[in-house]
């Protein structure tokens, strides 16, 4: 379910002394590490929702820089509300269209991309909007380094099957597949859940995979 539009969301994101929200992320293409003031790896979550997943990762891994991305400011505001009183200095929030993500990150600037419970866009004529469609996969190639990774989770079987085919046919290798993540947790002890996952994993399986760029022969 989509979050409703929030009145004055953009203005609320830009509250004074907000260390998290980056209003013009395109300015930092190629220089995100200067913004973080270190050379730690950069991991991004495309579609961060209310922010439980990425804020937990940021707390657990202070040596990694995290960037939470949402297309709509109303959604990103909920993430900001979750972290605004924290002291995390390795997390930034941005409104960004993932279809043009190479406008915001330079070649090889990102080490890992998380795609958690993305909109499945079930109708065939909407397939290009899926975050694992060839359109988006080509964008990711432009920003992840040669050993970069994509971690993907969904509760939608159709989207998972589509993603397996799309990813493998577009220059990536796939590993660590789970058809029921919460029954396989002994294999994935570091699994961090989203709010959506906490709610819906009791009702059906969560599918998971990891993808990496294929080595050029």
Protein backbone atom coordinates (compact mmCIF):
# COMPACT_ATOMS: atom_id res chain seq x y z
CA UNK A 1 0.00 0.00 0.00
CA UNK A 2 1.31 3.41 -0.95
CA UNK A 3 1.66 6.12 1.65
CA UNK A 4 -0.65 9.05 1.16
CA UNK A 5 0.62 12.39 -0.06
CA UNK A 6 1.66 14.52 2.89
CA UNK A 7 0.95 18.23 2.85
CA UNK A 8 4.10 20.41 2.74
CA UNK A 9 6.32 17.30 2.70
CA UNK A 10 9.11 19.02 0.77
CA UNK A 11 9.21 21.93 3.21
CA UNK A 12 9.19 19.54 6.16
CA UNK A 13 12.14 17.63 4.70
CA UNK A 14 14.09 20.87 4.55
CA UNK A 15 13.77 21.74 8.24
CA UNK A 16 16.68 23.67 9.71
CA UNK A 17 19.75 21.76 10.87
CA UNK A 18 18.62 18.55 9.21
CA UNK A 19 21.82 16.51 8.65
CA UNK A 20 20.08 13.72 6.72
CA UNK A 21 18.12 15.17 3.81
CA UNK A 22 20.07 16.13 0.68
CA UNK A 23 17.84 18.46 -1.41
CA UNK A 24 19.99 18.53 -4.58
CA UNK A 25 21.68 15.12 -4.79
CA UNK A 26 22.82 15.64 -8.38
CA UNK A 27 25.47 18.03 -7.03
CA UNK A 28 27.27 15.14 -5.37
CA UNK A 29 27.70 12.88 -8.38
CA UNK A 30 31.24 11.56 -8.08
CA UNK A 31 31.81 13.20 -4.70
CA UNK A 32 29.49 11.48 -2.24
CA UNK A 33 32.47 10.46 -0.12
CA UNK A 34 33.35 14.12 0.29
CA UNK A 35 29.86 14.69 1.68
CA UNK A 36 30.33 11.81 4.14
CA UNK A 37 33.91 12.98 4.81
CA UNK A 38 35.39 9.51 4.43
CA UNK A 39 36.14 6.87 1.80
CA UNK A 40 33.86 4.15 3.14
CA UNK A 41 31.81 2.02 0.71
CA UNK A 42 28.47 3.41 -0.41
CA UNK A 43 25.33 1.27 -0.22
CA UNK A 44 21.97 2.55 -1.42
CA UNK A 45 18.40 1.42 -0.90
CA UNK A 46 16.03 2.25 -3.73
CA UNK A 47 12.60 2.60 -2.19
CA UNK A 48 13.34 2.97 1.53
CA UNK A 49 9.74 3.27 2.72
CA UNK A 50 9.56 4.26 6.38
CA UNK A 51 13.27 3.62 6.84
CA UNK A 52 13.47 0.73 9.29
CA UNK A 53 15.76 -1.35 7.07
CA UNK A 54 18.35 1.24 6.13
CA UNK A 55 18.45 2.99 9.51
CA UNK A 56 19.10 -0.37 11.20
CA UNK A 57 21.91 -1.11 8.76
CA UNK A 58 23.43 2.32 9.38
CA UNK A 59 23.43 1.71 13.15
CA UNK A 60 25.01 -1.72 12.78
CA UNK A 61 27.65 -0.72 10.20
CA UNK A 62 29.21 2.67 10.97
CA UNK A 63 31.99 1.93 8.46
CA UNK A 64 29.55 1.95 5.53
CA UNK A 65 27.83 5.02 4.04
CA UNK A 66 24.12 4.55 3.34
CA UNK A 67 21.86 6.53 1.04
CA UNK A 68 18.08 6.07 1.20
CA UNK A 69 16.26 6.90 -2.02
CA UNK A 70 12.57 7.57 -2.63
CA UNK A 71 10.82 8.95 -5.68
CA UNK A 72 8.29 10.93 -3.65
CA UNK A 73 8.98 13.39 -0.86
CA UNK A 74 5.88 12.29 1.12
CA UNK A 75 7.37 8.81 1.49
CA UNK A 76 10.87 10.03 2.30
CA UNK A 77 9.45 12.24 5.04
CA UNK A 78 8.41 9.11 6.97
CA UNK A 79 11.98 7.86 6.83
CA UNK A 80 13.25 11.21 8.06
CA UNK A 81 10.84 11.13 10.99
CA UNK A 82 12.30 7.78 12.02
CA UNK A 83 15.95 8.95 12.04
CA UNK A 84 15.81 12.68 12.77
CA UNK A 85 16.58 12.26 16.47
CA UNK A 86 19.36 9.74 15.90
CA UNK A 87 23.05 10.51 15.76
CA UNK A 88 23.74 8.55 12.59
CA UNK A 89 26.42 10.27 10.53
CA UNK A 90 26.57 7.59 7.82
CA UNK A 91 23.05 8.00 6.44
CA UNK A 92 21.63 10.45 3.89
CA UNK A 93 18.13 10.69 2.40
CA UNK A 94 17.31 11.78 -1.13
CA UNK A 95 14.34 12.23 -3.42
CA UNK A 96 15.49 10.63 -6.65
CA UNK A 97 14.07 8.87 -9.71
CA UNK A 98 15.88 5.55 -9.99
CA UNK A 99 15.24 5.50 -13.74
CA UNK A 100 17.85 8.26 -13.97
CA UNK A 101 20.10 7.16 -11.12
CA UNK A 102 23.26 7.54 -13.21
CA UNK A 103 22.60 11.30 -13.10
CA UNK A 104 23.31 11.18 -9.37
CA UNK A 105 26.16 8.68 -8.99
CA UNK A 106 29.36 8.31 -10.95
CA UNK A 107 30.75 5.16 -12.51
CA UNK A 108 31.71 2.57 -9.86
CA UNK A 109 30.68 4.91 -7.04
CA UNK A 110 28.24 2.45 -5.44
CA UNK A 111 29.17 -0.88 -3.86
CA UNK A 112 25.71 -2.33 -3.17
CA UNK A 113 22.08 -1.68 -4.11
CA UNK A 114 19.15 -2.91 -2.03
CA UNK A 115 15.76 -3.45 -3.65
CA UNK A 116 13.24 -4.36 -0.97
CA UNK A 117 9.59 -5.11 -1.77
CA UNK A 118 9.48 -2.90 -4.83
CA UNK A 119 6.16 -2.23 -6.57
CA UNK A 120 5.54 -5.38 -8.69
CA UNK A 121 3.73 -3.51 -11.47
CA UNK A 122 1.86 -6.72 -12.37
CA UNK A 123 0.39 -5.61 -15.71
CA UNK A 124 2.57 -6.56 -18.69
CA UNK A 125 2.46 -3.10 -20.23
CA UNK A 126 3.93 -1.72 -16.97
CA UNK A 127 6.86 -4.18 -16.93
CA UNK A 128 9.41 -1.49 -17.83
CA UNK A 129 8.57 0.27 -14.54
CA UNK A 130 9.76 -2.68 -12.46
CA UNK A 131 13.03 -1.94 -10.67
CA UNK A 132 14.50 -5.14 -12.11
CA UNK A 133 13.55 -4.38 -15.72
CA UNK A 134 16.34 -3.99 -18.32
CA UNK A 135 15.90 -0.20 -18.19
CA UNK A 136 16.82 -0.06 -14.52
CA UNK A 137 19.43 -2.82 -14.66
CA UNK A 138 21.35 -0.83 -17.28
CA UNK A 139 21.27 2.20 -15.00
CA UNK A 140 22.66 0.16 -12.10
CA UNK A 141 25.54 -1.04 -14.28
CA UNK A 142 26.61 2.56 -14.71
CA UNK A 143 27.04 3.20 -10.98
CA UNK A 144 28.10 -0.03 -9.25
CA UNK A 145 31.73 -1.09 -9.25
CA UNK A 146 32.95 -4.27 -10.93
CA UNK A 147 32.39 -6.27 -7.74
CA UNK A 148 29.17 -4.46 -6.91
CA UNK A 149 26.05 -6.27 -5.75
CA UNK A 150 22.27 -6.05 -5.88
CA UNK A 151 20.31 -7.58 -2.99
CA UNK A 152 16.65 -8.13 -3.85
CA UNK A 153 13.68 -9.20 -1.71
CA UNK A 154 9.99 -9.46 -2.58
CA UNK A 155 6.84 -11.23 -1.47
CA UNK A 156 5.53 -11.27 -5.03
CA UNK A 157 6.15 -14.55 -6.83
CA UNK A 158 5.47 -13.07 -10.26
CA UNK A 159 7.96 -10.26 -9.74
CA UNK A 160 10.54 -12.70 -8.43
CA UNK A 161 10.24 -14.99 -11.45
CA UNK A 162 10.39 -12.00 -13.78
CA UNK A 163 13.46 -10.68 -11.95
CA UNK A 164 15.32 -13.99 -12.14
CA UNK A 165 14.98 -13.95 -15.91
CA UNK A 166 15.55 -10.23 -16.39
CA UNK A 167 18.64 -10.08 -14.20
CA UNK A 168 20.27 -13.19 -15.66
CA UNK A 169 19.61 -11.99 -19.22
CA UNK A 170 21.12 -8.55 -18.68
CA UNK A 171 24.71 -9.11 -17.67
CA UNK A 172 24.37 -10.26 -14.06
CA UNK A 173 25.00 -13.56 -12.30
CA UNK A 174 22.60 -14.67 -9.57
CA UNK A 175 23.40 -16.42 -6.28
CA UNK A 176 22.03 -17.06 -2.80
CA UNK A 177 18.46 -17.60 -3.94
CA UNK A 178 15.84 -18.28 -1.29
CA UNK A 179 12.24 -19.20 -2.06
CA UNK A 180 11.23 -18.79 1.59
CA UNK A 181 13.64 -16.49 3.36
CA UNK A 182 12.13 -16.75 6.81
CA UNK A 183 12.45 -20.54 6.72
CA UNK A 184 16.06 -20.16 5.58
CA UNK A 185 17.21 -17.66 8.18
CA UNK A 186 19.97 -19.97 9.41
CA UNK A 187 21.57 -19.31 6.01
CA UNK A 188 20.97 -15.56 6.30
CA UNK A 189 21.52 -14.66 9.97
CA UNK A 190 22.21 -11.04 9.08
CA UNK A 191 18.81 -10.49 7.45
CA UNK A 192 17.41 -7.07 8.35
CA UNK A 193 13.67 -6.69 7.93
CA UNK A 194 11.57 -3.85 6.60
CA UNK A 195 8.27 -2.77 8.14
CA UNK A 196 6.49 -4.47 5.23
CA UNK A 197 8.43 -7.69 5.77
CA UNK A 198 7.58 -7.80 9.48
CA UNK A 199 3.89 -7.57 8.62
CA UNK A 200 3.56 -9.82 5.58
CA UNK A 201 6.17 -12.56 6.11
CA UNK A 202 3.67 -14.38 8.36
CA UNK A 203 1.23 -14.68 5.45
CA UNK A 204 3.48 -16.14 2.78
CA UNK A 205 7.06 -16.67 1.62
CA UNK A 206 9.62 -13.94 1.09
CA UNK A 207 11.82 -14.44 -1.99
CA UNK A 208 15.42 -13.31 -2.05
CA UNK A 209 18.40 -13.23 -4.41
CA UNK A 210 21.78 -11.59 -4.85
CA UNK A 211 23.11 -10.42 -8.22
CA UNK A 212 26.54 -9.36 -9.37
CA UNK A 213 27.93 -8.14 -12.65
CA UNK A 214 29.26 -10.94 -14.80
CA UNK A 215 32.98 -10.80 -15.36
CA UNK A 216 33.98 -9.70 -18.84
CA UNK A 217 35.84 -12.51 -20.59
